[in-house]
């Protein structure tokens, strides 16, 4: 699969793919309940995370932004400065009184992370809805895991939308990253 490391000029396109990918996600559609505002809200919020990820040089995407993955390398913060300082005011602006609920979601994700080991964290993996069902997202994940494997470190992710078929299991490809933790976050 052809993919590349995204740069800052591509942040908007990557964030747009992720906003579309997560538009109907069970957690994020609950967090952003107004359908007419949700895409722009997710675009703004994921844009912050994409920019922070680009700084780590581990935002991977396909040439036409059909799918994207935001990885956080070991020892790096998902939202380092200046992005971390922007999160709370941004959530207040996007969500008003619901901002604290989303902060709680983020807190639960943070609490679920493994401790005492170095690992790559898959913050986001999304395929644009117009390109789903073609294996693009799973191919991106497989290539991403191959890159992680070359670092000889495990990977971790959470999912609010687990695959339903065993043929989408990235560890079935023989990847040495069998220590991926699959946690279903259910609210």
N, C-alpha and C. Protein backbone atom coordinates (compact mmCIF):
# COMPACT_ATOMS: atom_id res chain seq x y z
N UNK A 1 0.84 -1.18 0.00
CA UNK A 1 0.00 0.00 0.00
C UNK A 1 0.88 1.23 0.00
N UNK A 2 0.53 2.17 -0.83
CA UNK A 2 1.26 3.43 -0.87
C UNK A 2 0.72 4.35 0.24
N UNK A 3 1.61 4.81 1.08
CA UNK A 3 1.25 5.78 2.11
C UNK A 3 2.45 6.66 2.38
N UNK A 4 2.21 7.76 3.05
CA UNK A 4 3.31 8.65 3.38
C UNK A 4 3.04 9.32 4.72
N UNK A 5 4.09 9.92 5.26
CA UNK A 5 3.99 10.68 6.50
C UNK A 5 3.44 12.06 6.13
N UNK A 6 2.33 12.43 6.74
CA UNK A 6 1.70 13.71 6.44
C UNK A 6 2.51 14.87 7.00
N UNK A 7 2.44 15.99 6.31
CA UNK A 7 3.08 17.21 6.81
C UNK A 7 2.01 18.25 7.16
N UNK A 8 2.46 19.39 7.66
CA UNK A 8 1.52 20.40 8.16
C UNK A 8 0.57 20.91 7.07
N UNK A 9 1.01 20.95 5.82
CA UNK A 9 0.12 21.44 4.76
C UNK A 9 -1.02 20.45 4.48
N UNK A 10 -0.88 19.22 4.95
CA UNK A 10 -1.91 18.20 4.75
C UNK A 10 -2.82 18.01 5.96
N UNK A 11 -2.58 18.76 7.01
CA UNK A 11 -3.33 18.57 8.26
C UNK A 11 -4.84 18.70 8.04
N UNK A 12 -5.26 19.68 7.27
CA UNK A 12 -6.70 19.87 7.04
C UNK A 12 -7.33 18.70 6.31
N UNK A 13 -6.64 18.17 5.32
CA UNK A 13 -7.16 17.03 4.56
C UNK A 13 -7.24 15.78 5.44
N UNK A 14 -6.22 15.55 6.25
CA UNK A 14 -6.22 14.40 7.15
C UNK A 14 -7.34 14.56 8.18
N UNK A 15 -7.48 15.75 8.76
CA UNK A 15 -8.54 15.99 9.75
C UNK A 15 -9.91 15.82 9.12
N UNK A 16 -10.07 16.23 7.87
CA UNK A 16 -11.35 16.06 7.18
C UNK A 16 -11.70 14.59 7.01
N UNK A 17 -10.72 13.78 6.65
CA UNK A 17 -10.94 12.33 6.54
C UNK A 17 -11.38 11.76 7.87
N UNK A 18 -10.69 12.13 8.94
CA UNK A 18 -11.02 11.61 10.27
C UNK A 18 -12.39 12.10 10.74
N UNK A 19 -12.72 13.36 10.46
CA UNK A 19 -14.04 13.88 10.84
C UNK A 19 -15.15 13.10 10.14
N UNK A 20 -14.95 12.81 8.87
CA UNK A 20 -15.95 12.02 8.13
C UNK A 20 -16.00 10.59 8.66
N UNK A 21 -14.83 10.02 8.95
CA UNK A 21 -14.76 8.64 9.43
C UNK A 21 -15.44 8.46 10.78
N UNK A 22 -15.33 9.46 11.66
CA UNK A 22 -15.88 9.35 13.00
C UNK A 22 -17.26 9.98 13.14
N UNK A 23 -17.82 10.46 12.06
CA UNK A 23 -19.11 11.16 12.12
C UNK A 23 -20.20 10.30 12.75
N UNK A 24 -20.27 9.02 12.42
CA UNK A 24 -21.30 8.15 12.97
C UNK A 24 -20.78 7.19 14.03
N UNK A 25 -19.55 7.38 14.48
CA UNK A 25 -18.97 6.55 15.53
C UNK A 25 -19.84 6.63 16.79
N UNK A 26 -20.06 5.51 17.48
CA UNK A 26 -20.95 5.53 18.64
C UNK A 26 -20.53 6.48 19.76
N UNK A 27 -19.26 6.59 20.03
CA UNK A 27 -18.82 7.50 21.10
C UNK A 27 -18.90 8.95 20.64
N UNK A 28 -18.37 9.23 19.44
CA UNK A 28 -18.26 10.62 19.03
C UNK A 28 -19.58 11.21 18.54
N UNK A 29 -20.49 10.38 18.06
CA UNK A 29 -21.81 10.92 17.73
C UNK A 29 -22.60 11.21 19.00
N UNK A 30 -22.32 10.47 20.07
CA UNK A 30 -22.92 10.78 21.36
C UNK A 30 -22.31 12.07 21.92
N UNK A 31 -21.01 12.19 21.82
CA UNK A 31 -20.33 13.37 22.37
C UNK A 31 -20.72 14.64 21.63
N UNK A 32 -20.94 14.52 20.34
CA UNK A 32 -21.32 15.66 19.50
C UNK A 32 -22.70 15.34 18.90
N UNK A 33 -23.77 15.56 19.67
CA UNK A 33 -25.09 15.05 19.29
C UNK A 33 -25.83 15.80 18.19
N UNK A 34 -25.37 16.97 17.81
CA UNK A 34 -26.08 17.75 16.79
C UNK A 34 -25.53 17.41 15.41
N UNK A 35 -26.27 16.62 14.62
CA UNK A 35 -25.75 16.17 13.31
C UNK A 35 -25.32 17.31 12.39
N UNK A 36 -26.04 18.41 12.43
CA UNK A 36 -25.71 19.51 11.51
C UNK A 36 -24.41 20.23 11.90
N UNK A 37 -23.95 20.06 13.12
CA UNK A 37 -22.71 20.70 13.58
C UNK A 37 -21.55 19.72 13.73
N UNK A 38 -21.87 18.43 13.79
CA UNK A 38 -20.89 17.42 14.18
C UNK A 38 -19.65 17.42 13.29
N UNK A 39 -19.82 17.45 11.98
CA UNK A 39 -18.64 17.36 11.10
C UNK A 39 -17.68 18.52 11.36
N UNK A 40 -18.20 19.73 11.45
CA UNK A 40 -17.30 20.87 11.68
C UNK A 40 -16.67 20.81 13.07
N UNK A 41 -17.42 20.31 14.05
CA UNK A 41 -16.86 20.18 15.40
C UNK A 41 -15.72 19.15 15.41
N UNK A 42 -15.98 18.00 14.78
CA UNK A 42 -14.94 16.97 14.73
C UNK A 42 -13.74 17.44 13.91
N UNK A 43 -14.00 18.14 12.82
CA UNK A 43 -12.92 18.68 11.99
C UNK A 43 -12.01 19.58 12.82
N UNK A 44 -12.61 20.44 13.61
CA UNK A 44 -11.83 21.36 14.44
C UNK A 44 -11.06 20.61 15.52
N UNK A 45 -11.74 19.70 16.22
CA UNK A 45 -11.09 18.97 17.31
C UNK A 45 -10.01 18.03 16.78
N UNK A 46 -10.34 17.23 15.76
CA UNK A 46 -9.34 16.31 15.23
C UNK A 46 -8.19 17.07 14.57
N UNK A 47 -8.48 18.26 14.05
CA UNK A 47 -7.41 19.08 13.49
C UNK A 47 -6.33 19.38 14.50
N UNK A 48 -6.73 19.64 15.74
CA UNK A 48 -5.76 19.88 16.81
C UNK A 48 -4.90 18.64 17.05
N UNK A 49 -5.53 17.47 17.10
CA UNK A 49 -4.80 16.22 17.32
C UNK A 49 -3.91 15.87 16.13
N UNK A 50 -4.38 16.14 14.93
CA UNK A 50 -3.57 15.87 13.75
C UNK A 50 -2.32 16.74 13.74
N UNK A 51 -2.47 18.02 14.02
CA UNK A 51 -1.30 18.91 14.07
C UNK A 51 -0.29 18.43 15.11
N UNK A 52 -0.78 18.05 16.28
CA UNK A 52 0.12 17.55 17.32
C UNK A 52 0.81 16.27 16.85
N UNK A 53 0.08 15.39 16.19
CA UNK A 53 0.66 14.14 15.69
C UNK A 53 1.68 14.37 14.60
N UNK A 54 1.41 15.34 13.74
CA UNK A 54 2.36 15.66 12.66
C UNK A 54 3.71 16.07 13.24
N UNK A 55 3.69 16.73 14.38
CA UNK A 55 4.95 17.11 15.03
C UNK A 55 5.79 15.88 15.39
N UNK A 56 5.15 14.72 15.60
CA UNK A 56 5.86 13.48 15.94
C UNK A 56 6.29 12.70 14.69
N UNK A 57 5.84 13.16 13.52
CA UNK A 57 6.16 12.54 12.24
C UNK A 57 5.66 11.10 12.14
N UNK A 58 4.46 10.86 12.74
CA UNK A 58 3.84 9.54 12.68
C UNK A 58 2.37 9.63 12.29
N UNK A 59 2.01 10.64 11.52
CA UNK A 59 0.67 10.68 10.93
C UNK A 59 0.83 10.12 9.53
N UNK A 60 0.21 8.97 9.31
CA UNK A 60 0.34 8.27 8.04
C UNK A 60 -0.97 8.37 7.27
N UNK A 61 -0.87 8.57 5.97
CA UNK A 61 -2.07 8.71 5.15
C UNK A 61 -1.83 8.15 3.76
N UNK A 62 -2.92 7.86 3.10
CA UNK A 62 -2.87 7.42 1.71
C UNK A 62 -2.78 8.66 0.82
N UNK A 63 -2.36 8.49 -0.42
CA UNK A 63 -2.15 9.66 -1.30
C UNK A 63 -3.37 10.57 -1.47
N UNK A 64 -4.57 9.99 -1.54
CA UNK A 64 -5.78 10.79 -1.71
C UNK A 64 -6.55 11.00 -0.42
N UNK A 65 -5.90 10.73 0.71
CA UNK A 65 -6.50 10.90 2.05
C UNK A 65 -7.74 10.02 2.23
N UNK A 66 -7.73 8.86 1.58
CA UNK A 66 -8.83 7.93 1.76
C UNK A 66 -8.87 7.39 3.19
N UNK A 67 -7.70 7.26 3.80
CA UNK A 67 -7.57 6.77 5.16
C UNK A 67 -6.37 7.45 5.82
N UNK A 68 -6.43 7.53 7.14
CA UNK A 68 -5.34 8.17 7.88
C UNK A 68 -5.20 7.50 9.24
N UNK A 69 -3.98 7.52 9.75
CA UNK A 69 -3.66 6.99 11.08
C UNK A 69 -2.79 8.02 11.79
N UNK A 70 -3.14 8.30 13.03
CA UNK A 70 -2.35 9.21 13.87
C UNK A 70 -1.74 8.37 14.98
N UNK A 71 -0.44 8.17 14.91
CA UNK A 71 0.29 7.39 15.90
C UNK A 71 1.06 8.33 16.83
N UNK A 72 1.14 7.94 18.09
CA UNK A 72 1.95 8.67 19.06
C UNK A 72 3.10 7.75 19.46
N UNK A 73 4.33 8.15 19.14
CA UNK A 73 5.49 7.30 19.47
C UNK A 73 5.75 7.26 20.98
N UNK A 74 6.49 6.25 21.43
CA UNK A 74 6.83 6.13 22.84
C UNK A 74 7.50 7.41 23.36
N UNK A 75 7.10 7.80 24.55
CA UNK A 75 7.71 8.97 25.18
C UNK A 75 7.16 10.30 24.71
N UNK A 76 6.24 10.29 23.78
CA UNK A 76 5.64 11.53 23.26
C UNK A 76 4.23 11.68 23.83
N UNK A 77 3.84 12.92 23.98
CA UNK A 77 2.48 13.19 24.44
C UNK A 77 1.54 13.29 23.25
N UNK A 78 0.32 12.81 23.46
CA UNK A 78 -0.68 12.91 22.40
C UNK A 78 -0.94 14.37 22.05
N UNK A 79 -1.03 15.19 23.06
CA UNK A 79 -1.20 16.63 22.85
C UNK A 79 -0.16 17.36 23.69
N UNK A 80 1.00 17.56 23.13
CA UNK A 80 2.01 18.37 23.80
C UNK A 80 1.69 19.84 23.59
N UNK A 81 2.50 20.68 24.16
CA UNK A 81 2.31 22.12 23.98
C UNK A 81 2.73 22.53 22.57
N UNK A 82 2.08 23.48 21.99
CA UNK A 82 1.06 24.37 22.53
C UNK A 82 -0.36 23.81 22.45
N UNK A 83 -0.52 22.59 21.92
CA UNK A 83 -1.85 22.05 21.66
C UNK A 83 -2.62 21.73 22.93
N UNK A 84 -1.94 21.22 23.95
CA UNK A 84 -2.62 20.85 25.19
C UNK A 84 -3.33 22.04 25.81
N UNK A 85 -2.71 23.20 25.75
CA UNK A 85 -3.33 24.41 26.32
C UNK A 85 -4.55 24.87 25.53
N UNK A 86 -4.65 24.43 24.29
CA UNK A 86 -5.77 24.82 23.44
C UNK A 86 -7.00 23.92 23.62
N UNK A 87 -6.81 22.73 24.20
CA UNK A 87 -7.89 21.75 24.24
C UNK A 87 -9.09 22.22 25.07
N UNK A 88 -8.88 22.61 26.32
CA UNK A 88 -10.02 22.98 27.16
C UNK A 88 -10.82 24.14 26.60
N UNK A 89 -10.19 25.24 26.20
CA UNK A 89 -10.99 26.33 25.60
C UNK A 89 -11.70 25.89 24.32
N UNK A 90 -11.05 25.02 23.54
CA UNK A 90 -11.68 24.54 22.31
C UNK A 90 -12.91 23.70 22.63
N UNK A 91 -12.80 22.80 23.60
CA UNK A 91 -13.96 21.98 23.98
C UNK A 91 -15.09 22.86 24.50
N UNK A 92 -14.76 23.87 25.31
CA UNK A 92 -15.80 24.80 25.79
C UNK A 92 -16.49 25.50 24.64
N UNK A 93 -15.69 25.92 23.66
CA UNK A 93 -16.25 26.63 22.51
C UNK A 93 -17.11 25.70 21.65
N UNK A 94 -16.66 24.47 21.43
CA UNK A 94 -17.38 23.55 20.56
C UNK A 94 -18.62 22.96 21.22
N UNK A 95 -18.55 22.76 22.55
CA UNK A 95 -19.59 21.97 23.20
C UNK A 95 -20.34 22.67 24.33
N UNK A 96 -19.87 23.80 24.76
CA UNK A 96 -20.56 24.49 25.85
C UNK A 96 -20.66 23.60 27.07
N UNK A 97 -21.88 23.40 27.55
CA UNK A 97 -22.10 22.64 28.79
C UNK A 97 -21.75 21.16 28.66
N UNK A 98 -21.62 20.64 27.45
CA UNK A 98 -21.26 19.23 27.25
C UNK A 98 -19.74 19.01 27.27
N UNK A 99 -18.97 20.06 27.37
CA UNK A 99 -17.51 19.93 27.32
C UNK A 99 -16.98 19.01 28.42
N UNK A 100 -17.54 19.09 29.62
CA UNK A 100 -17.05 18.25 30.70
C UNK A 100 -17.30 16.76 30.43
N UNK A 101 -18.37 16.44 29.73
CA UNK A 101 -18.63 15.05 29.37
C UNK A 101 -17.53 14.52 28.44
N UNK A 102 -17.11 15.34 27.49
CA UNK A 102 -16.06 14.92 26.56
C UNK A 102 -14.72 14.86 27.28
N UNK A 103 -14.48 15.75 28.21
CA UNK A 103 -13.26 15.66 29.02
C UNK A 103 -13.23 14.34 29.78
N UNK A 104 -14.39 13.90 30.25
CA UNK A 104 -14.47 12.61 30.94
C UNK A 104 -14.14 11.46 29.99
N UNK A 105 -14.62 11.53 28.76
CA UNK A 105 -14.29 10.51 27.75
C UNK A 105 -12.77 10.46 27.55
N UNK A 106 -12.16 11.63 27.35
CA UNK A 106 -10.71 11.67 27.18
C UNK A 106 -10.00 11.12 28.41
N UNK A 107 -10.51 11.43 29.59
CA UNK A 107 -9.92 10.92 30.82
C UNK A 107 -9.99 9.40 30.88
N UNK A 108 -11.11 8.83 30.43
CA UNK A 108 -11.24 7.37 30.43
C UNK A 108 -10.26 6.73 29.45
N UNK A 109 -10.11 7.36 28.31
CA UNK A 109 -9.12 6.84 27.37
C UNK A 109 -7.73 6.87 28.01
N UNK A 110 -7.38 7.99 28.63
CA UNK A 110 -6.05 8.11 29.26
C UNK A 110 -5.84 7.07 30.36
N UNK A 111 -6.87 6.84 31.18
CA UNK A 111 -6.77 5.87 32.27
C UNK A 111 -6.57 4.45 31.76
N UNK A 112 -7.04 4.16 30.58
CA UNK A 112 -6.97 2.80 30.03
C UNK A 112 -5.60 2.46 29.45
N UNK A 113 -4.75 3.45 29.26
CA UNK A 113 -3.43 3.20 28.65
C UNK A 113 -2.59 2.31 29.56
N UNK A 114 -1.82 1.41 28.97
CA UNK A 114 -0.92 0.57 29.76
C UNK A 114 0.14 1.44 30.46
N UNK A 115 0.62 0.96 31.55
CA UNK A 115 1.67 1.68 32.28
C UNK A 115 2.89 0.77 32.40
N UNK A 116 4.03 1.38 32.59
CA UNK A 116 5.25 0.64 32.84
C UNK A 116 5.91 0.05 31.61
N UNK A 117 5.49 0.47 30.42
CA UNK A 117 6.16 -0.02 29.22
C UNK A 117 6.11 1.03 28.14
N UNK A 118 7.04 0.90 27.21
CA UNK A 118 7.07 1.80 26.05
C UNK A 118 6.25 1.17 24.94
N UNK A 119 5.46 1.98 24.26
CA UNK A 119 4.62 1.47 23.18
C UNK A 119 4.22 2.61 22.26
N UNK A 120 3.83 2.26 21.05
CA UNK A 120 3.23 3.20 20.12
C UNK A 120 1.72 3.20 20.40
N UNK A 121 1.13 4.36 20.39
CA UNK A 121 -0.30 4.50 20.64
C UNK A 121 -0.99 4.96 19.36
N UNK A 122 -1.95 4.19 18.90
CA UNK A 122 -2.74 4.57 17.74
C UNK A 122 -3.89 5.43 18.22
N UNK A 123 -3.71 6.73 18.09
CA UNK A 123 -4.71 7.69 18.56
C UNK A 123 -5.94 7.68 17.66
N UNK A 124 -5.74 7.64 16.34
CA UNK A 124 -6.84 7.64 15.38
C UNK A 124 -6.49 6.77 14.19
N UNK A 125 -7.47 6.03 13.74
CA UNK A 125 -7.41 5.33 12.47
C UNK A 125 -8.78 5.49 11.85
N UNK A 126 -8.83 6.09 10.68
CA UNK A 126 -10.13 6.30 10.05
C UNK A 126 -10.05 6.21 8.55
N UNK A 127 -11.13 5.71 7.98
CA UNK A 127 -11.29 5.64 6.53
C UNK A 127 -12.48 6.50 6.16
N UNK A 128 -12.31 7.33 5.17
CA UNK A 128 -13.41 8.16 4.69
C UNK A 128 -14.57 7.25 4.28
N UNK A 129 -15.80 7.58 4.64
CA UNK A 129 -16.94 6.71 4.32
C UNK A 129 -17.05 6.35 2.84
N UNK A 130 -16.64 7.21 1.96
CA UNK A 130 -16.70 6.92 0.54
C UNK A 130 -15.72 5.86 0.08
N UNK A 131 -14.81 5.46 0.97
CA UNK A 131 -13.78 4.47 0.61
C UNK A 131 -13.81 3.25 1.53
N UNK A 132 -14.85 3.13 2.35
CA UNK A 132 -14.95 1.99 3.24
C UNK A 132 -15.27 0.72 2.46
N UNK A 133 -14.90 -0.39 3.07
CA UNK A 133 -15.22 -1.68 2.49
C UNK A 133 -14.27 -2.14 1.39
N UNK A 134 -13.22 -1.37 1.17
CA UNK A 134 -12.25 -1.72 0.12
C UNK A 134 -10.93 -2.22 0.71
N UNK A 135 -10.85 -2.29 2.03
CA UNK A 135 -9.63 -2.76 2.67
C UNK A 135 -8.56 -1.70 2.84
N UNK A 136 -8.87 -0.45 2.51
CA UNK A 136 -7.86 0.61 2.57
C UNK A 136 -7.42 0.87 4.01
N UNK A 137 -8.38 0.98 4.92
CA UNK A 137 -8.05 1.25 6.31
C UNK A 137 -7.25 0.12 6.94
N UNK A 138 -7.65 -1.11 6.67
CA UNK A 138 -6.92 -2.25 7.23
C UNK A 138 -5.54 -2.38 6.60
N UNK A 139 -5.41 -2.04 5.32
CA UNK A 139 -4.09 -2.05 4.68
C UNK A 139 -3.20 -0.97 5.30
N UNK A 140 -3.78 0.19 5.57
CA UNK A 140 -3.03 1.27 6.23
C UNK A 140 -2.59 0.81 7.62
N UNK A 141 -3.49 0.15 8.34
CA UNK A 141 -3.14 -0.35 9.66
C UNK A 141 -2.02 -1.39 9.56
N UNK A 142 -2.12 -2.31 8.62
CA UNK A 142 -1.09 -3.33 8.47
C UNK A 142 0.27 -2.71 8.16
N UNK A 143 0.30 -1.74 7.26
CA UNK A 143 1.57 -1.08 6.93
C UNK A 143 2.08 -0.27 8.13
N UNK A 144 1.17 0.36 8.85
CA UNK A 144 1.56 1.10 10.06
C UNK A 144 2.19 0.16 11.07
N UNK A 145 1.56 -1.00 11.27
CA UNK A 145 2.09 -1.97 12.23
C UNK A 145 3.45 -2.51 11.78
N UNK A 146 3.65 -2.66 10.49
CA UNK A 146 4.96 -3.08 9.99
C UNK A 146 6.02 -2.04 10.36
N UNK A 147 5.67 -0.77 10.27
CA UNK A 147 6.61 0.29 10.66
C UNK A 147 6.88 0.25 12.16
N UNK A 148 5.83 0.00 12.95
CA UNK A 148 6.01 -0.12 14.40
C UNK A 148 6.87 -1.34 14.71
N UNK A 149 6.61 -2.45 14.02
CA UNK A 149 7.40 -3.67 14.25
C UNK A 149 8.88 -3.44 14.03
N UNK A 150 9.22 -2.62 13.06
CA UNK A 150 10.65 -2.33 12.80
C UNK A 150 11.30 -1.60 13.97
N UNK A 151 10.48 -1.02 14.84
CA UNK A 151 11.00 -0.36 16.04
C UNK A 151 11.10 -1.34 17.22
N UNK A 152 10.59 -2.56 17.02
CA UNK A 152 10.62 -3.62 18.04
C UNK A 152 9.91 -3.20 19.32
N UNK A 153 8.77 -2.53 19.14
CA UNK A 153 7.96 -2.11 20.27
C UNK A 153 6.50 -2.50 20.03
N UNK A 154 5.74 -2.67 21.11
CA UNK A 154 4.32 -2.99 20.94
C UNK A 154 3.52 -1.75 20.56
N UNK A 155 2.28 -2.00 20.17
CA UNK A 155 1.34 -0.94 19.83
C UNK A 155 0.10 -1.11 20.68
N UNK A 156 -0.58 0.00 20.90
CA UNK A 156 -1.79 0.01 21.73
C UNK A 156 -2.84 0.85 21.04
N UNK A 157 -4.08 0.42 21.13
CA UNK A 157 -5.18 1.22 20.62
C UNK A 157 -6.42 0.95 21.44
N UNK A 158 -7.35 1.87 21.39
CA UNK A 158 -8.69 1.66 21.90
C UNK A 158 -9.62 1.78 20.72
N UNK A 159 -10.76 1.14 20.81
CA UNK A 159 -11.72 1.26 19.72
C UNK A 159 -13.12 1.34 20.28
N UNK A 160 -13.87 2.29 19.77
CA UNK A 160 -15.28 2.38 20.11
C UNK A 160 -16.11 1.71 19.03
N UNK A 161 -15.43 1.15 18.04
CA UNK A 161 -16.12 0.58 16.89
C UNK A 161 -15.28 -0.58 16.35
N UNK A 162 -15.28 -1.70 17.09
CA UNK A 162 -14.44 -2.84 16.73
C UNK A 162 -14.88 -3.48 15.42
N UNK A 163 -13.92 -3.99 14.65
CA UNK A 163 -14.28 -4.74 13.44
C UNK A 163 -15.11 -5.96 13.82
N UNK A 164 -15.97 -6.40 12.94
CA UNK A 164 -16.84 -7.53 13.23
C UNK A 164 -16.40 -8.80 12.54
N UNK A 165 -15.38 -8.75 11.74
CA UNK A 165 -14.96 -9.92 10.98
C UNK A 165 -13.52 -10.27 11.31
N UNK A 166 -13.25 -11.56 11.43
CA UNK A 166 -11.88 -11.98 11.76
C UNK A 166 -10.90 -11.64 10.65
N UNK A 167 -11.39 -11.44 9.42
CA UNK A 167 -10.46 -11.13 8.34
C UNK A 167 -9.97 -9.69 8.41
N UNK A 168 -10.48 -8.88 9.33
CA UNK A 168 -9.96 -7.53 9.50
C UNK A 168 -9.02 -7.44 10.70
N UNK A 169 -8.63 -8.58 11.26
CA UNK A 169 -7.74 -8.61 12.41
C UNK A 169 -6.31 -8.37 11.93
N UNK A 170 -5.71 -7.23 12.29
CA UNK A 170 -4.37 -6.94 11.80
C UNK A 170 -3.33 -7.93 12.28
N UNK A 171 -3.53 -8.59 13.41
CA UNK A 171 -2.52 -9.52 13.89
C UNK A 171 -2.54 -10.82 13.10
N UNK A 172 -3.59 -11.05 12.31
CA UNK A 172 -3.67 -12.26 11.50
C UNK A 172 -2.64 -12.26 10.38
N UNK A 173 -2.07 -11.10 10.08
CA UNK A 173 -1.09 -11.02 9.00
C UNK A 173 0.28 -11.52 9.44
N UNK A 174 0.42 -11.94 10.70
CA UNK A 174 1.70 -12.43 11.17
C UNK A 174 2.56 -11.32 11.75
N UNK A 175 2.00 -10.17 11.96
CA UNK A 175 2.74 -9.06 12.53
C UNK A 175 3.27 -9.44 13.91
N UNK A 176 4.50 -9.04 14.21
CA UNK A 176 5.02 -9.35 15.54
C UNK A 176 4.37 -8.48 16.60
N UNK A 177 3.59 -7.51 16.19
CA UNK A 177 2.93 -6.64 17.15
C UNK A 177 1.66 -7.32 17.65
N UNK A 178 1.85 -8.49 18.21
CA UNK A 178 0.70 -9.24 18.72
C UNK A 178 0.29 -8.74 20.10
N UNK A 179 1.06 -7.84 20.65
CA UNK A 179 0.70 -7.32 21.97
C UNK A 179 -0.22 -6.12 21.87
N UNK A 180 -0.81 -5.91 20.71
CA UNK A 180 -1.81 -4.85 20.60
C UNK A 180 -2.92 -5.15 21.59
N UNK A 181 -3.26 -4.18 22.33
CA UNK A 181 -4.39 -4.31 23.25
C UNK A 181 -5.62 -3.79 22.54
N UNK A 182 -6.64 -4.60 22.44
CA UNK A 182 -7.89 -4.14 21.83
C UNK A 182 -8.87 -3.93 22.97
N UNK A 183 -9.20 -2.70 23.24
CA UNK A 183 -10.14 -2.39 24.30
C UNK A 183 -11.36 -1.76 23.67
N UNK A 184 -12.49 -2.31 23.91
CA UNK A 184 -13.72 -1.71 23.45
C UNK A 184 -14.16 -0.72 24.52
N UNK A 185 -14.27 0.51 24.14
CA UNK A 185 -14.74 1.53 25.07
C UNK A 185 -16.23 1.65 24.88
N UNK A 186 -16.96 1.29 25.88
CA UNK A 186 -18.42 1.32 25.79
C UNK A 186 -18.94 2.23 26.89
N UNK A 187 -19.84 3.10 26.52
CA UNK A 187 -20.39 4.08 27.47
C UNK A 187 -21.84 3.75 27.76
